[in-house]
Structure formats: C-alpha cells, structure tokens
Amino acid sequence: LIFIPLALLSAFAAWRWMDNLTGIKADYKSFALAT
C-alpha cells in the first residue's frame, strides 16, 4: 500500500518536470557489436 501513492507521485513528477529528447534512436548496432 505505501508504494501506490509513491508510484503515482513518481509518474506525476516525470509528467510535470521531465523531458523527452528527439532524434534518439535505439542503438541496436551497439548491442550487435557488443555481442
């Protein structure tokens, strides 16, 4: 129960104060090189 409001708070904080970055692509090549 104590983590239900905390999870909602985290989601709200991310919605209100975080950002997305454009031009960011999944770097499958880096994983392929690493494997």
PDB file of all heavy atoms in Angstrom:
ATOM      1  N   LEU A   1       0.811  -1.216   0.000  1.00  0.00           N
ATOM      2  CA  LEU A   1       0.000   0.000   0.000  1.00  0.00           C
ATOM      3  C   LEU A   1       0.844   1.264   0.000  1.00  0.00           C
ATOM      4  O   LEU A   1       0.491   2.257  -0.661  1.00  0.00           O
ATOM      5  CB  LEU A   1      -0.942   0.001   1.215  1.00  0.00           C
ATOM      6  CG  LEU A   1      -2.111  -0.984   1.169  1.00  0.00           C
ATOM      7  CD1 LEU A   1      -2.867  -0.986   2.495  1.00  0.00           C
ATOM      8  CD2 LEU A   1      -3.061  -0.655   0.022  1.00  0.00           C
ATOM      9  N   ILE A   2       1.962   1.271   0.734  1.00  0.00           N
ATOM     10  CA  ILE A   2       2.732   2.514   0.835  1.00  0.00           C
ATOM     11  C   ILE A   2       3.355   2.924  -0.498  1.00  0.00           C
ATOM     12  O   ILE A   2       3.678   4.098  -0.704  1.00  0.00           O
ATOM     13  CB  ILE A   2       3.831   2.416   1.915  1.00  0.00           C
ATOM     14  CG1 ILE A   2       4.825   1.292   1.591  1.00  0.00           C
ATOM     15  CG2 ILE A   2       3.232   2.231   3.287  1.00  0.00           C
ATOM     16  CD1 ILE A   2       5.995   1.236   2.558  1.00  0.00           C
ATOM     17  N   PHE A   3       3.494   1.962  -1.430  1.00  0.00           N
ATOM     18  CA  PHE A   3       4.135   2.305  -2.703  1.00  0.00           C
ATOM     19  C   PHE A   3       3.141   2.704  -3.785  1.00  0.00           C
ATOM     20  O   PHE A   3       3.551   3.156  -4.861  1.00  0.00           O
ATOM     21  CB  PHE A   3       5.011   1.137  -3.179  1.00  0.00           C
ATOM     22  CG  PHE A   3       6.280   1.036  -2.387  1.00  0.00           C
ATOM     23  CD1 PHE A   3       6.399   0.123  -1.355  1.00  0.00           C
ATOM     24  CD2 PHE A   3       7.336   1.889  -2.645  1.00  0.00           C
ATOM     25  CE1 PHE A   3       7.553   0.047  -0.597  1.00  0.00           C
ATOM     26  CE2 PHE A   3       8.495   1.821  -1.902  1.00  0.00           C
ATOM     27  CZ  PHE A   3       8.607   0.905  -0.864  1.00  0.00           C
ATOM     28  N   ILE A   4       1.858   2.569  -3.530  1.00  0.00           N
ATOM     29  CA  ILE A   4       0.866   3.015  -4.514  1.00  0.00           C
ATOM     30  C   ILE A   4       0.907   4.539  -4.667  1.00  0.00           C
ATOM     31  O   ILE A   4       1.057   5.045  -5.796  1.00  0.00           O
ATOM     32  CB  ILE A   4      -0.540   2.509  -4.135  1.00  0.00           C
ATOM     33  CG1 ILE A   4      -0.589   0.980  -4.287  1.00  0.00           C
ATOM     34  CG2 ILE A   4      -1.602   3.181  -5.005  1.00  0.00           C
ATOM     35  CD1 ILE A   4      -1.902   0.358  -3.822  1.00  0.00           C
ATOM     36  N   PRO A   5       0.814   5.328  -3.600  1.00  0.00           N
ATOM     37  CA  PRO A   5       0.916   6.786  -3.788  1.00  0.00           C
ATOM     38  C   PRO A   5       2.299   7.228  -4.260  1.00  0.00           C
ATOM     39  O   PRO A   5       2.411   8.207  -5.012  1.00  0.00           O
ATOM     40  CB  PRO A   5       0.603   7.352  -2.397  1.00  0.00           C
ATOM     41  CG  PRO A   5       0.853   6.229  -1.446  1.00  0.00           C
ATOM     42  CD  PRO A   5       0.516   4.986  -2.197  1.00  0.00           C
ATOM     43  N   LEU A   6       3.344   6.521  -3.844  1.00  0.00           N
ATOM     44  CA  LEU A   6       4.693   6.899  -4.278  1.00  0.00           C
ATOM     45  C   LEU A   6       4.878   6.672  -5.774  1.00  0.00           C
ATOM     46  O   LEU A   6       5.527   7.474  -6.458  1.00  0.00           O
ATOM     47  CB  LEU A   6       5.735   6.108  -3.479  1.00  0.00           C
ATOM     48  CG  LEU A   6       5.867   6.492  -2.007  1.00  0.00           C
ATOM     49  CD1 LEU A   6       6.825   5.548  -1.290  1.00  0.00           C
ATOM     50  CD2 LEU A   6       6.332   7.936  -1.859  1.00  0.00           C
ATOM     51  N   ALA A   7       4.321   5.577  -6.302  1.00  0.00           N
ATOM     52  CA  ALA A   7       4.400   5.328  -7.743  1.00  0.00           C
ATOM     53  C   ALA A   7       3.628   6.393  -8.514  1.00  0.00           C
ATOM     54  O   ALA A   7       4.073   6.874  -9.569  1.00  0.00           O
ATOM     55  CB  ALA A   7       3.857   3.933  -8.072  1.00  0.00           C
ATOM     56  N   LEU A   8       2.471   6.786  -8.002  1.00  0.00           N
ATOM     57  CA  LEU A   8       1.691   7.849  -8.638  1.00  0.00           C
ATOM     58  C   LEU A   8       2.449   9.175  -8.583  1.00  0.00           C
ATOM     59  O   LEU A   8       2.440   9.947  -9.549  1.00  0.00           O
ATOM     60  CB  LEU A   8       0.334   7.986  -7.949  1.00  0.00           C
ATOM     61  CG  LEU A   8      -0.641   6.816  -8.146  1.00  0.00           C
ATOM     62  CD1 LEU A   8      -1.859   6.993  -7.249  1.00  0.00           C
ATOM     63  CD2 LEU A   8      -1.057   6.696  -9.608  1.00  0.00           C
ATOM     64  N   LEU A   9       3.121   9.438  -7.460  1.00  0.00           N
ATOM     65  CA  LEU A   9       3.906  10.660  -7.337  1.00  0.00           C
ATOM     66  C   LEU A   9       5.052  10.674  -8.345  1.00  0.00           C
ATOM     67  O   LEU A   9       5.330  11.708  -8.973  1.00  0.00           O
ATOM     68  CB  LEU A   9       4.461  10.781  -5.915  1.00  0.00           C
ATOM     69  CG  LEU A   9       5.399  11.965  -5.645  1.00  0.00           C
ATOM     70  CD1 LEU A   9       4.670  13.289  -5.868  1.00  0.00           C
ATOM     71  CD2 LEU A   9       5.958  11.883  -4.227  1.00  0.00           C
ATOM     72  N   SER A  10       5.716   9.534  -8.521  1.00  0.00           N
ATOM     73  CA  SER A  10       6.814   9.448  -9.481  1.00  0.00           C
ATOM     74  C   SER A  10       6.318   9.701 -10.901  1.00  0.00           C
ATOM     75  O   SER A  10       6.964  10.415 -11.685  1.00  0.00           O
ATOM     76  CB  SER A  10       7.484   8.069  -9.389  1.00  0.00           C
ATOM     77  OG  SER A  10       8.488   7.929 -10.364  1.00  0.00           O
ATOM     78  N   ALA A  11       5.164   9.114 -11.247  1.00  0.00           N
ATOM     79  CA  ALA A  11       4.590   9.321 -12.583  1.00  0.00           C
ATOM     80  C   ALA A  11       4.224  10.789 -12.794  1.00  0.00           C
ATOM     81  O   ALA A  11       4.481  11.355 -13.864  1.00  0.00           O
ATOM     82  CB  ALA A  11       3.366   8.429 -12.765  1.00  0.00           C
ATOM     83  N   PHE A  12       3.631  11.408 -11.770  1.00  0.00           N
ATOM     84  CA  PHE A  12       3.257  12.823 -11.885  1.00  0.00           C
ATOM     85  C   PHE A  12       4.503  13.699 -12.029  1.00  0.00           C
ATOM     86  O   PHE A  12       4.535  14.625 -12.857  1.00  0.00           O
ATOM     87  CB  PHE A  12       2.457  13.263 -10.662  1.00  0.00           C
ATOM     88  CG  PHE A  12       2.220  14.756 -10.618  1.00  0.00           C
ATOM     89  CD1 PHE A  12       1.248  15.338 -11.416  1.00  0.00           C
ATOM     90  CD2 PHE A  12       3.001  15.573  -9.804  1.00  0.00           C
ATOM     91  CE1 PHE A  12       1.042  16.720 -11.392  1.00  0.00           C
ATOM     92  CE2 PHE A  12       2.803  16.944  -9.782  1.00  0.00           C
ATOM     93  CZ  PHE A  12       1.825  17.519 -10.576  1.00  0.00           C
ATOM     94  N   ALA A  13       5.534  13.425 -11.230  1.00  0.00           N
ATOM     95  CA  ALA A  13       6.761  14.230 -11.291  1.00  0.00           C
ATOM     96  C   ALA A  13       7.418  14.120 -12.662  1.00  0.00           C
ATOM     97  O   ALA A  13       7.903  15.112 -13.214  1.00  0.00           O
ATOM     98  CB  ALA A  13       7.732  13.781 -10.193  1.00  0.00           C
ATOM     99  N   ALA A  14       7.429  12.903 -13.225  1.00  0.00           N
ATOM    100  CA  ALA A  14       8.001  12.729 -14.556  1.00  0.00           C
ATOM    101  C   ALA A  14       7.172  13.489 -15.600  1.00  0.00           C
ATOM    102  O   ALA A  14       7.732  14.134 -16.501  1.00  0.00           O
ATOM    103  CB  ALA A  14       8.059  11.241 -14.906  1.00  0.00           C
ATOM    104  N   TRP A  15       5.849  13.414 -15.477  1.00  0.00           N
ATOM    105  CA  TRP A  15       4.968  14.130 -16.416  1.00  0.00           C
ATOM    106  C   TRP A  15       5.174  15.634 -16.328  1.00  0.00           C
ATOM    107  O   TRP A  15       5.202  16.332 -17.337  1.00  0.00           O
ATOM    108  CB  TRP A  15       3.513  13.777 -16.097  1.00  0.00           C
ATOM    109  CG  TRP A  15       2.511  14.589 -16.866  1.00  0.00           C
ATOM    110  CD1 TRP A  15       2.111  14.410 -18.159  1.00  0.00           C
ATOM    111  CD2 TRP A  15       1.798  15.741 -16.382  1.00  0.00           C
ATOM    112  NE1 TRP A  15       1.188  15.373 -18.511  1.00  0.00           N
ATOM    113  CE2 TRP A  15       0.975  16.196 -17.441  1.00  0.00           C
ATOM    114  CE3 TRP A  15       1.775  16.423 -15.164  1.00  0.00           C
ATOM    115  CZ2 TRP A  15       0.146  17.301 -17.312  1.00  0.00           C
ATOM    116  CZ3 TRP A  15       0.946  17.521 -15.029  1.00  0.00           C
ATOM    117  CH2 TRP A  15       0.146  17.952 -16.096  1.00  0.00           C
ATOM    118  N   ARG A  16       5.377  16.126 -15.099  1.00  0.00           N
ATOM    119  CA  ARG A  16       5.440  17.574 -14.891  1.00  0.00           C
ATOM    120  C   ARG A  16       6.822  18.157 -15.162  1.00  0.00           C
ATOM    121  O   ARG A  16       6.930  19.275 -15.688  1.00  0.00           O
ATOM    122  CB  ARG A  16       5.007  17.887 -13.442  1.00  0.00           C
ATOM    123  CG  ARG A  16       5.044  19.379 -13.061  1.00  0.00           C
ATOM    124  CD  ARG A  16       4.031  20.167 -13.866  1.00  0.00           C
ATOM    125  NE  ARG A  16       4.088  21.598 -13.526  1.00  0.00           N
ATOM    126  CZ  ARG A  16       4.965  22.460 -14.022  1.00  0.00           C
ATOM    127  NH1 ARG A  16       5.885  22.042 -14.897  1.00  0.00           N
ATOM    128  NH2 ARG A  16       4.924  23.736 -13.676  1.00  0.00           N
ATOM    129  N   TRP A  17       7.896  17.437 -14.820  1.00  0.00           N
ATOM    130  CA  TRP A  17       9.206  18.069 -14.826  1.00  0.00           C
ATOM    131  C   TRP A  17      10.272  17.388 -15.686  1.00  0.00           C
ATOM    132  O   TRP A  17      11.354  17.930 -15.835  1.00  0.00           O
ATOM    133  CB  TRP A  17       9.736  18.171 -13.394  1.00  0.00           C
ATOM    134  CG  TRP A  17       8.984  19.182 -12.575  1.00  0.00           C
ATOM    135  CD1 TRP A  17       8.958  20.533 -12.759  1.00  0.00           C
ATOM    136  CD2 TRP A  17       8.144  18.917 -11.453  1.00  0.00           C
ATOM    137  NE1 TRP A  17       8.162  21.129 -11.813  1.00  0.00           N
ATOM    138  CE2 TRP A  17       7.644  20.164 -10.989  1.00  0.00           C
ATOM    139  CE3 TRP A  17       7.769  17.748 -10.775  1.00  0.00           C
ATOM    140  CZ2 TRP A  17       6.785  20.256  -9.894  1.00  0.00           C
ATOM    141  CZ3 TRP A  17       6.921  17.850  -9.692  1.00  0.00           C
ATOM    142  CH2 TRP A  17       6.436  19.091  -9.264  1.00  0.00           C
ATOM    143  N   MET A  18       9.998  16.229 -16.255  1.00  0.00           N
ATOM    144  CA  MET A  18      10.999  15.592 -17.103  1.00  0.00           C
ATOM    145  C   MET A  18      10.764  15.933 -18.571  1.00  0.00           C
ATOM    146  O   MET A  18       9.742  16.535 -18.930  1.00  0.00           O
ATOM    147  CB  MET A  18      11.006  14.068 -16.883  1.00  0.00           C
ATOM    148  CG  MET A  18      11.557  13.668 -15.522  1.00  0.00           C
ATOM    149  SD  MET A  18      11.748  11.871 -15.307  1.00  0.00           S
ATOM    150  CE  MET A  18      13.156  11.550 -16.395  1.00  0.00           C
ATOM    151  N   ASP A  19      11.717  15.536 -19.423  1.00  0.00           N
ATOM    152  CA  ASP A  19      11.653  15.863 -20.850  1.00  0.00           C
ATOM    153  C   ASP A  19      11.962  14.635 -21.696  1.00  0.00           C
ATOM    154  O   ASP A  19      12.649  13.697 -21.262  1.00  0.00           O
ATOM    155  CB  ASP A  19      12.677  16.957 -21.184  1.00  0.00           C
ATOM    156  CG  ASP A  19      12.464  18.219 -20.373  1.00  0.00           C
ATOM    157  OD1 ASP A  19      11.514  18.954 -20.669  1.00  0.00           O
ATOM    158  OD2 ASP A  19      13.255  18.453 -19.427  1.00  0.00           O
ATOM    159  N   ASN A  20      11.431  14.675 -22.927  1.00  0.00           N
ATOM    160  CA  ASN A  20      11.822  13.718 -23.964  1.00  0.00           C
ATOM    161  C   ASN A  20      12.828  14.386 -24.899  1.00  0.00           C
ATOM    162  O   ASN A  20      12.803  15.605 -25.069  1.00  0.00           O
ATOM    163  CB  ASN A  20      10.601  13.293 -24.798  1.00  0.00           C
ATOM    164  CG  ASN A  20       9.538  12.601 -23.967  1.00  0.00           C
ATOM    165  OD1 ASN A  20       9.809  11.636 -23.277  1.00  0.00           O
ATOM    166  ND2 ASN A  20       8.302  13.104 -24.046  1.00  0.00           N
ATOM    167  N   LEU A  21      13.686  13.601 -25.505  1.00  0.00           N
ATOM    168  CA  LEU A  21      14.638  14.124 -26.484  1.00  0.00           C
ATOM    169  C   LEU A  21      14.327  13.541 -27.855  1.00  0.00           C
ATOM    170  O   LEU A  21      14.155  12.318 -27.995  1.00  0.00           O
ATOM    171  CB  LEU A  21      16.077  13.757 -26.091  1.00  0.00           C
ATOM    172  CG  LEU A  21      16.574  14.280 -24.739  1.00  0.00           C
ATOM    173  CD1 LEU A  21      18.012  13.820 -24.496  1.00  0.00           C
ATOM    174  CD2 LEU A  21      16.487  15.801 -24.675  1.00  0.00           C
ATOM    175  N   THR A  22      14.238  14.410 -28.861  1.00  0.00           N
ATOM    176  CA  THR A  22      14.026  13.917 -30.220  1.00  0.00           C
ATOM    177  C   THR A  22      15.356  13.449 -30.807  1.00  0.00           C
ATOM    178  O   THR A  22      16.429  13.780 -30.309  1.00  0.00           O
ATOM    179  CB  THR A  22      13.448  15.025 -31.116  1.00  0.00           C
ATOM    180  OG1 THR A  22      14.399  16.100 -31.192  1.00  0.00           O
ATOM    181  CG2 THR A  22      12.131  15.548 -30.574  1.00  0.00           C
ATOM    182  N   GLY A  23      15.263  12.698 -31.872  1.00  0.00           N
ATOM    183  CA  GLY A  23      16.467  12.265 -32.573  1.00  0.00           C
ATOM    184  C   GLY A  23      17.217  11.142 -31.886  1.00  0.00           C
ATOM    185  O   GLY A  23      18.310  10.766 -32.314  1.00  0.00           O
ATOM    186  N   ILE A  24      16.655  10.596 -30.807  1.00  0.00           N
ATOM    187  CA  ILE A  24      17.299   9.487 -30.102  1.00  0.00           C
ATOM    188  C   ILE A  24      16.764   8.185 -30.684  1.00  0.00           C
ATOM    189  O   ILE A  24      15.557   7.945 -30.681  1.00  0.00           O
ATOM    190  CB  ILE A  24      17.008   9.547 -28.591  1.00  0.00           C
ATOM    191  CG1 ILE A  24      17.492  10.877 -28.014  1.00  0.00           C
ATOM    192  CG2 ILE A  24      17.654   8.382 -27.873  1.00  0.00           C
ATOM    193  CD1 ILE A  24      18.969  11.118 -28.183  1.00  0.00           C
ATOM    194  N   LYS A  25      17.652   7.377 -31.188  1.00  0.00           N
ATOM    195  CA  LYS A  25      17.244   6.119 -31.814  1.00  0.00           C
ATOM    196  C   LYS A  25      17.805   4.936 -31.040  1.00  0.00           C
ATOM    197  O   LYS A  25      18.857   5.018 -30.425  1.00  0.00           O
ATOM    198  CB  LYS A  25      17.731   6.063 -33.262  1.00  0.00           C
ATOM    199  CG  LYS A  25      17.128   7.146 -34.145  1.00  0.00           C
ATOM    200  CD  LYS A  25      17.642   7.029 -35.568  1.00  0.00           C
ATOM    201  CE  LYS A  25      17.030   8.104 -36.452  1.00  0.00           C
ATOM    202  NZ  LYS A  25      17.535   8.037 -37.848  1.00  0.00           N
ATOM    203  N   ALA A  26      17.053   3.855 -31.063  1.00  0.00           N
ATOM    204  CA  ALA A  26      17.523   2.619 -30.440  1.00  0.00           C
ATOM    205  C   ALA A  26      18.796   2.159 -31.142  1.00  0.00           C
ATOM    206  O   ALA A  26      18.804   1.980 -32.366  1.00  0.00           O
ATOM    207  CB  ALA A  26      16.448   1.543 -30.525  1.00  0.00           C
ATOM    208  N   ASP A  27      19.856   2.007 -30.364  1.00  0.00           N
ATOM    209  CA  ASP A  27      21.149   1.686 -30.961  1.00  0.00           C
ATOM    210  C   ASP A  27      21.357   0.163 -30.980  1.00  0.00           C
ATOM    211  O   ASP A  27      22.121  -0.385 -30.184  1.00  0.00           O
ATOM    212  CB  ASP A  27      22.268   2.380 -30.183  1.00  0.00           C
ATOM    213  CG  ASP A  27      23.579   2.404 -30.963  1.00  0.00           C
ATOM    214  OD1 ASP A  27      23.626   1.789 -32.041  1.00  0.00           O
ATOM    215  OD2 ASP A  27      24.546   3.023 -30.492  1.00  0.00           O
ATOM    216  N   TYR A  28      20.640  -0.499 -31.895  1.00  0.00           N
ATOM    217  CA  TYR A  28      20.788  -1.953 -31.996  1.00  0.00           C
ATOM    218  C   TYR A  28      22.200  -2.324 -32.438  1.00  0.00           C
ATOM    219  O   TYR A  28      22.703  -3.390 -32.102  1.00  0.00           O
ATOM    220  CB  TYR A  28      19.761  -2.515 -32.989  1.00  0.00           C
ATOM    221  CG  TYR A  28      18.333  -2.268 -32.579  1.00  0.00           C
ATOM    222  CD1 TYR A  28      17.561  -1.286 -33.203  1.00  0.00           C
ATOM    223  CD2 TYR A  28      17.745  -3.017 -31.564  1.00  0.00           C
ATOM    224  CE1 TYR A  28      16.244  -1.056 -32.819  1.00  0.00           C
ATOM    225  CE2 TYR A  28      16.430  -2.798 -31.176  1.00  0.00           C
ATOM    226  CZ  TYR A  28      15.690  -1.811 -31.815  1.00  0.00           C
ATOM    227  OH  TYR A  28      14.395  -1.590 -31.426  1.00  0.00           O
ATOM    228  N   LYS A  29      22.847  -1.416 -33.175  1.00  0.00           N
ATOM    229  CA  LYS A  29      24.192  -1.713 -33.658  1.00  0.00           C
ATOM    230  C   LYS A  29      25.168  -1.881 -32.502  1.00  0.00           C
ATOM    231  O   LYS A  29      26.047  -2.746 -32.544  1.00  0.00           O
ATOM    232  CB  LYS A  29      24.668  -0.593 -34.587  1.00  0.00           C
ATOM    233  CG  LYS A  29      26.026  -0.876 -35.230  1.00  0.00           C
ATOM    234  CD  LYS A  29      26.421   0.232 -36.195  1.00  0.00           C
ATOM    235  CE  LYS A  29      27.768  -0.070 -36.840  1.00  0.00           C
ATOM    236  NZ  LYS A  29      28.194   1.006 -37.778  1.00  0.00           N
ATOM    237  N   SER A  30      24.999  -1.051 -31.456  1.00  0.00           N
ATOM    238  CA  SER A  30      25.911  -1.160 -30.325  1.00  0.00           C
ATOM    239  C   SER A  30      25.764  -2.511 -29.634  1.00  0.00           C
ATOM    240  O   SER A  30      26.747  -3.117 -29.206  1.00  0.00           O
ATOM    241  CB  SER A  30      25.663  -0.030 -29.323  1.00  0.00           C
ATOM    242  OG  SER A  30      24.425  -0.173 -28.680  1.00  0.00           O
ATOM    243  N   PHE A  31      24.532  -3.006 -29.546  1.00  0.00           N
ATOM    244  CA  PHE A  31      24.317  -4.319 -28.944  1.00  0.00           C
ATOM    245  C   PHE A  31      24.893  -5.412 -29.830  1.00  0.00           C
ATOM    246  O   PHE A  31      25.480  -6.379 -29.343  1.00  0.00           O
ATOM    247  CB  PHE A  31      22.826  -4.557 -28.693  1.00  0.00           C
ATOM    248  CG  PHE A  31      22.355  -4.010 -27.375  1.00  0.00           C
ATOM    249  CD1 PHE A  31      22.098  -2.664 -27.220  1.00  0.00           C
ATOM    250  CD2 PHE A  31      22.184  -4.837 -26.283  1.00  0.00           C
ATOM    251  CE1 PHE A  31      21.674  -2.146 -26.009  1.00  0.00           C
ATOM    252  CE2 PHE A  31      21.759  -4.347 -25.062  1.00  0.00           C
ATOM    253  CZ  PHE A  31      21.505  -2.988 -24.922  1.00  0.00           C
ATOM    254  N   ALA A  32      24.716  -5.258 -31.131  1.00  0.00           N
ATOM    255  CA  ALA A  32      25.269  -6.258 -32.051  1.00  0.00           C
ATOM    256  C   ALA A  32      26.791  -6.297 -31.961  1.00  0.00           C
ATOM    257  O   ALA A  32      27.399  -7.375 -31.933  1.00  0.00           O
ATOM    258  CB  ALA A  32      24.827  -5.946 -33.475  1.00  0.00           C
ATOM    259  N   LEU A  33      27.419  -5.108 -31.931  1.00  0.00           N
ATOM    260  CA  LEU A  33      28.873  -5.048 -31.790  1.00  0.00           C
ATOM    261  C   LEU A  33      29.321  -5.680 -30.476  1.00  0.00           C
ATOM    262  O   LEU A  33      30.318  -6.403 -30.421  1.00  0.00           O
ATOM    263  CB  LEU A  33      29.345  -3.598 -31.851  1.00  0.00           C
ATOM    264  CG  LEU A  33      29.305  -2.900 -33.213  1.00  0.00           C
ATOM    265  CD1 LEU A  33      29.583  -1.409 -33.051  1.00  0.00           C
ATOM    266  CD2 LEU A  33      30.309  -3.522 -34.176  1.00  0.00           C
ATOM    267  N   ALA A  34      28.571  -5.411 -29.421  1.00  0.00           N
ATOM    268  CA  ALA A  34      28.948  -5.934 -28.111  1.00  0.00           C
ATOM    269  C   ALA A  34      28.839  -7.455 -28.052  1.00  0.00           C
ATOM    270  O   ALA A  34      29.699  -8.121 -27.461  1.00  0.00           O
ATOM    271  CB  ALA A  34      28.076  -5.302 -27.032  1.00  0.00           C
ATOM    272  N   THR A  35      27.797  -8.008 -28.651  1.00  0.00           N
ATOM    273  CA  THR A  35      27.625  -9.463 -28.585  1.00  0.00           C
ATOM    274  C   THR A  35      28.744 -10.206 -29.307  1.00  0.00           C
ATOM    275  O   THR A  35      29.054 -11.350 -28.979  1.00  0.00           O
ATOM    276  CB  THR A  35      26.277  -9.881 -29.190  1.00  0.00           C
ATOM    277  OG1 THR A  35      26.208  -9.428 -30.561  1.00  0.00           O
ATOM    278  CG2 THR A  35      25.117  -9.302 -28.402  1.00  0.00           C
TER     279      THR A  35
END
